[in-house]
Protein backbone atom coordinates (compact mmCIF):
# COMPACT_ATOMS: atom_id res chain seq x y z
CA MET A 1 2.87 17.24 -12.78
CA THR A 2 0.67 16.02 -10.13
CA ARG A 3 -1.74 13.18 -10.88
CA LEU A 4 -4.85 15.08 -11.02
CA VAL A 5 -3.65 17.72 -13.12
CA THR A 6 -2.08 14.85 -15.59
CA LEU A 7 -5.65 13.58 -15.52
CA ALA A 8 -7.25 16.47 -16.69
CA ALA A 9 -4.78 17.33 -19.27
CA GLY A 10 -5.21 13.70 -20.53
CA LEU A 11 -9.13 13.63 -20.42
CA LEU A 12 -9.48 17.11 -22.30
CA ALA A 13 -7.13 15.69 -25.13
CA LEU A 14 -8.40 12.16 -25.20
CA VAL A 15 -7.07 11.46 -28.76
CA PRO A 16 -6.79 10.49 -26.65
CA ALA A 17 27.71 -17.13 11.03
CA LEU A 18 30.58 -16.92 10.68
CA THR A 19 32.96 -19.64 10.92
CA SER A 20 36.48 -21.02 11.09
CA VAL A 21 38.27 -24.37 11.87
CA THR A 22 40.44 -23.73 15.28
CA VAL A 23 43.15 -26.15 16.14
CA ALA A 24 43.54 -26.77 19.76
CA GLN A 25 47.03 -26.28 21.41
CA ASN A 26 48.44 -29.58 22.63
CA ALA A 27 45.69 -31.70 21.19
CA PRO A 28 45.72 -35.47 22.20
CA PRO A 29 47.04 -38.12 19.79
CA PRO A 30 44.54 -38.88 16.97
CA SER A 31 42.02 -41.45 17.97
CA THR A 32 40.10 -43.82 16.07
CA ALA A 33 36.89 -42.91 18.00
CA PRO A 34 34.62 -39.95 16.89
CA SER A 35 35.65 -36.73 19.12
CA PRO A 36 32.76 -34.68 20.73
CA ALA A 37 32.59 -32.16 18.15
CA GLU A 38 31.93 -34.90 15.53
CA THR A 39 29.10 -36.49 17.20
CA ASN A 40 27.65 -33.01 18.39
CA PRO A 41 28.87 -30.33 15.67
CA LEU A 42 28.29 -26.87 16.45
CA PRO A 43 25.77 -25.03 14.25
CA THR A 44 27.69 -23.19 11.24
CA THR A 45 26.77 -20.97 8.36
CA THR A 46 29.15 -22.88 6.29
CA VAL A 47 30.79 -26.40 5.83
CA PRO A 48 33.93 -27.10 7.36
CA ASP A 49 36.93 -28.51 5.25
CA THR A 50 37.46 -31.80 7.44
CA SER A 51 40.27 -32.97 5.24
CA LYS A 52 42.98 -30.51 6.41
CA SER A 53 44.26 -29.49 9.95
CA GLY A 54 44.01 -26.12 9.50
CA PRO A 55 43.18 -23.09 6.98
CA ASP A 56 44.92 -23.02 4.03
CA PRO A 57 45.97 -19.35 3.44
CA ALA A 58 45.97 -19.80 -0.27
CA ALA A 59 42.41 -21.03 -0.39
CA PRO A 60 39.76 -18.81 -0.93
CA ALA A 61 37.58 -17.54 1.92
CA PRO A 62 34.48 -19.76 2.31
CA GLN A 63 31.08 -18.40 1.15
CA GLN A 64 29.12 -16.64 3.85
CA VAL A 65 25.32 -17.35 4.14
CA PRO A 66 23.50 -13.97 4.71
CA ILE A 67 22.23 -13.69 8.03
CA PRO A 68 18.85 -11.52 8.44
CA ARG A 69 19.15 -8.41 10.74
CA PRO A 70 17.04 -5.93 11.83
CA ALA A 71 16.81 -2.48 10.01
CA GLN A 72 18.99 -0.12 11.78
CA SER A 73 17.16 2.89 13.58
CA GLY A 74 16.52 5.64 11.15
CA ALA A 75 16.89 3.58 7.73
CA ALA A 76 14.30 3.59 5.10
CA GLN A 77 11.86 0.93 5.46
CA THR A 78 8.90 -0.42 3.37
CA VAL A 79 5.86 -1.28 5.69
CA THR A 80 2.61 -3.06 4.63
CA PRO A 81 -0.06 -2.18 6.79
CA PRO A 82 -2.33 -5.43 7.87
CA PRO A 83 -5.18 -5.94 5.69
CA SER A 84 -8.58 -4.82 6.81
CA THR A 85 -11.81 -7.08 7.32
CA LEU A 86 -13.98 -4.08 5.91
CA PRO A 87 -15.00 -5.07 2.38
CA THR A 88 -14.22 -2.93 -0.94
CA LEU A 89 -16.94 -1.51 -3.28
CA VAL A 90 -16.44 -4.15 -5.47
CA THR A 91 -15.79 -7.55 -3.54
CA THR A 92 -14.35 -9.39 -6.35
CA PRO A 93 -10.52 -8.96 -6.62
CA GLY A 94 -8.97 -7.31 -9.79
CA GLU A 95 -6.38 -8.61 -11.91
CA PRO A 96 -2.78 -7.14 -11.21
CA ASN A 97 -1.75 -4.57 -13.48
CA ASP A 98 -4.90 -4.80 -15.67
CA VAL A 99 -7.73 -2.43 -15.98
CA ASP A 100 -11.37 -4.23 -14.86
CA GLU A 101 -14.84 -3.18 -16.15
CA VAL A 102 -16.70 -3.19 -12.98
CA THR A 103 -20.22 -1.56 -11.59
CA LEU A 104 -20.02 0.36 -8.55
CA PRO A 105 -23.13 -0.12 -6.08
CA ALA A 106 -24.51 2.92 -4.58
CA LYS A 107 -23.48 3.02 -0.67
CA PRO A 108 -24.82 5.05 2.05
CA VAL A 109 -21.65 7.13 3.08
CA ALA A 110 -20.68 9.82 5.54
CA ILE A 111 -19.22 12.84 3.59
CA LEU A 112 -16.62 15.38 4.56
CA ALA A 113 -15.65 17.77 2.00
CA GLY A 114 -12.30 19.62 1.67
CA SER A 115 -9.58 21.08 -0.22
CA THR A 116 -5.79 20.68 0.05
CA LYS A 117 -2.54 21.68 -1.37
CA TRP A 118 -0.94 18.64 -3.51
CA ASP A 119 2.04 18.09 -1.06
CA GLU A 120 -0.24 17.87 1.76
CA ALA A 121 -2.95 15.57 0.29
CA ARG A 122 -2.34 12.35 1.81
CA ALA A 123 -2.04 14.01 5.34
CA ASN A 124 -5.45 16.01 4.91
CA LEU A 125 -7.42 13.10 3.51
CA ARG A 126 -6.16 11.27 6.94
CA LYS A 127 -7.50 13.87 8.82
CA SER A 128 -10.65 14.02 6.95
CA PHE A 129 -11.16 10.14 7.44
CA LYS A 130 -10.44 10.60 11.37
CA THR A 131 -13.08 13.16 11.59
CA ILE A 132 -15.67 11.41 10.10
CA GLY A 133 -14.54 8.13 12.23
CA GLU A 134 -15.21 10.65 15.29
CA ALA A 135 -18.49 11.71 14.04
CA LEU A 136 -19.85 8.08 13.53
CA ALA A 137 -18.73 7.09 17.15
CA LYS A 138 -20.92 9.55 18.64
CA LEU A 139 -23.62 8.49 16.41
CA ASN A 140 -23.26 5.00 17.24
CA LEU A 141 -22.70 3.92 13.71
CA LYS A 142 -19.90 1.61 12.38
CA PRO A 143 -17.98 1.70 9.26
CA SER A 144 -19.20 -1.03 6.54
CA GLY A 145 -16.61 -0.26 4.02
CA ARG A 146 -13.20 0.95 3.10
CA PRO A 147 -12.56 4.87 3.37
CA ILE A 148 -13.00 6.44 -0.43
CA ALA A 149 -12.23 9.99 -1.78
CA LEU A 150 -13.92 11.30 -4.75
CA PHE A 151 -11.66 14.14 -6.58
CA THR A 152 -14.00 16.58 -7.54
CA LYS A 153 -11.83 19.85 -8.93
CA THR A 154 -8.29 20.23 -9.53
CA GLU A 155 -6.27 23.41 -9.75
CA ASP A 156 -2.56 24.45 -10.06
CA ASP A 157 -1.72 23.96 -6.53
CA GLY A 158 -4.21 21.58 -5.22
CA PHE A 159 -7.62 20.15 -5.29
CA GLN A 160 -11.15 19.55 -3.79
CA TYR A 161 -12.38 16.44 -2.51
CA GLU A 162 -15.17 14.64 -1.04
CA ALA A 163 -13.94 12.02 1.88
CA MET A 164 -16.42 9.23 2.38
CA ILE A 165 -17.06 6.26 4.69
CA PRO A 166 -19.50 3.71 3.80
CA ILE A 167 -22.01 2.93 6.67
CA GLU A 168 -24.85 0.45 6.85
CA ALA A 169 -27.69 3.15 6.73
CA ALA A 170 -27.73 6.76 6.97
CA PRO A 171 -29.02 8.55 10.62
CA ALA A 172 -32.44 9.81 11.08
CA PRO A 173 -32.61 13.41 9.92
CA GLY A 174 -31.01 16.01 12.03
CA ALA A 175 -28.16 13.84 13.23
CA GLU A 176 -25.79 15.27 10.90
CA GLY A 177 -22.88 17.41 12.68
CA SER A 178 -21.96 20.80 11.19
CA GLU A 179 -19.23 19.11 9.10
CA VAL A 180 -20.09 15.49 8.18
CA LYS A 181 -22.88 15.18 5.90
CA PHE A 182 -24.66 11.76 4.55
CA GLY A 183 -25.34 10.60 1.27
CA SER A 184 -24.42 7.90 -1.45
CA SER A 185 -21.17 6.86 -2.88
CA PRO A 186 -20.73 7.36 -6.81
CA SER A 187 -22.35 4.39 -8.44
CA GLY A 188 -22.43 2.84 -12.26
CA LYS A 189 -20.17 1.88 -14.31
CA ALA A 190 -16.44 2.46 -13.94
CA LEU A 191 -12.93 1.09 -14.82
CA ARG A 192 -10.94 0.10 -12.04
CA TYR A 193 -7.17 -0.20 -11.82
CA LYS A 194 -5.16 -1.16 -8.64
CA HIS A 195 -2.12 1.08 -7.14
CA SER A 196 0.37 -0.93 -4.96
CA GLY A 197 3.12 1.15 -3.59
CA THR A 198 3.61 4.15 -1.73
CA TYR A 199 1.14 7.11 -2.06
CA GLU A 200 3.72 9.46 -3.86
CA GLU A 201 4.24 6.74 -6.35
CA ILE A 202 0.61 6.96 -7.43
CA ASP A 203 1.08 9.65 -10.26
CA GLY A 204 2.82 6.77 -12.34
CA THR A 205 -0.07 4.74 -11.81
CA TYR A 206 -2.59 7.27 -12.94
CA GLU A 207 -0.27 7.99 -15.89
CA THR A 208 -0.51 4.19 -17.13
CA LEU A 209 -4.47 4.32 -16.59
CA ILE A 210 -4.70 7.71 -18.76
CA ALA A 211 -2.55 6.19 -21.55
CA TYR A 212 -4.96 3.05 -21.57
CA LEU A 213 -8.11 5.33 -21.53
CA ASP A 214 -6.50 7.23 -24.45
CA ALA A 215 -5.25 4.22 -26.39
CA LYS A 216 -8.57 2.54 -26.37
CA GLU A 217 -10.76 6.07 -26.59
CA ILE A 218 -12.80 5.45 -23.60
CA PRO A 219 -14.59 8.51 -22.25
CA VAL A 220 -14.75 8.98 -18.47
CA GLN A 221 -15.86 11.49 -16.32
CA ASP A 222 -13.30 14.13 -14.92
CA ARG A 223 -13.65 12.86 -11.53
CA PHE A 224 -11.81 9.87 -10.23
CA LEU A 225 -12.54 7.88 -7.30
CA GLU A 226 -9.72 6.40 -4.88
CA GLU A 227 -10.47 3.51 -2.33
CA TYR A 228 -8.10 2.97 0.50
CA VAL A 229 -7.79 -0.90 0.77
CA THR A 230 -4.86 -0.15 3.10
CA ASP A 231 -4.91 2.79 5.42
CA LEU A 232 -3.35 5.96 4.57
CA GLY A 233 -0.59 5.71 6.88
CA GLU A 234 2.01 8.58 8.14
CA GLY A 235 5.10 7.02 6.87
CA ALA A 236 6.12 8.00 3.36
CA ASP A 237 7.44 4.56 2.72
CA ASP A 238 4.15 2.66 3.52
CA ARG A 239 3.19 0.37 0.89
CA LEU A 240 -0.60 0.79 0.27
CA ASP A 241 -3.11 -0.83 -1.90
CA ILE A 242 -5.71 1.69 -3.49
CA ASN A 243 -8.27 0.81 -5.91
CA ILE A 244 -8.60 3.54 -8.94
CA TYR A 245 -11.88 4.12 -10.35
CA ALA A 246 -12.46 6.00 -13.45
CA LEU A 247 -16.18 6.87 -13.57
CA ALA A 248 -17.74 6.16 -17.19
CA LYS A 249 -19.65 8.91 -18.53
């Protein structure tokens, strides 16, 4: 069950180095003076046993120290995008694995409404933010906060949303394009819960949040706000930080 379908059901219910010792052939007689190998030893990943003249076949193999190696091409990787310098809606950081009561300020935002199938959500949200960014560039406006998305209606095969990017101030009337509009972000009391992981894993975070709301019998709106502290990348294994806000009734 997709996360927003789960949300709708929960809200309606609301009773919710490898080394070895090598013996040189025809070695010179022993000397009391230290050898070059003793005074300038080669770097090793194991400690050699100098009490024996050669390896003991009956002795266990020396334990090897793992050597970091680059990931092979095509192997699954988890990538953490670099942190952004743009502020979040609530600048005070939340506690990990905890729900925070916050107050969302009303921010001027550029808005692009859209709809998407569930399995295309991340790609379409990313396209929406790109479209907004291009519109802001034409108007010489700069983002003043992290991208956010308000989920306004859920259906069996998808959902409707409003993608938003905060700005310092709305432009003068008439500057709007055919798609991008300007308005204010949702404001007021909200409960914030942080998701850290891939976008495909966010359903589990929503389930945890809904269980909390049910247990505490906290009524909230059937609209949720996501704030992308890290950018929505194209890789399915990208590790993201996303603030989820449940808007209070």
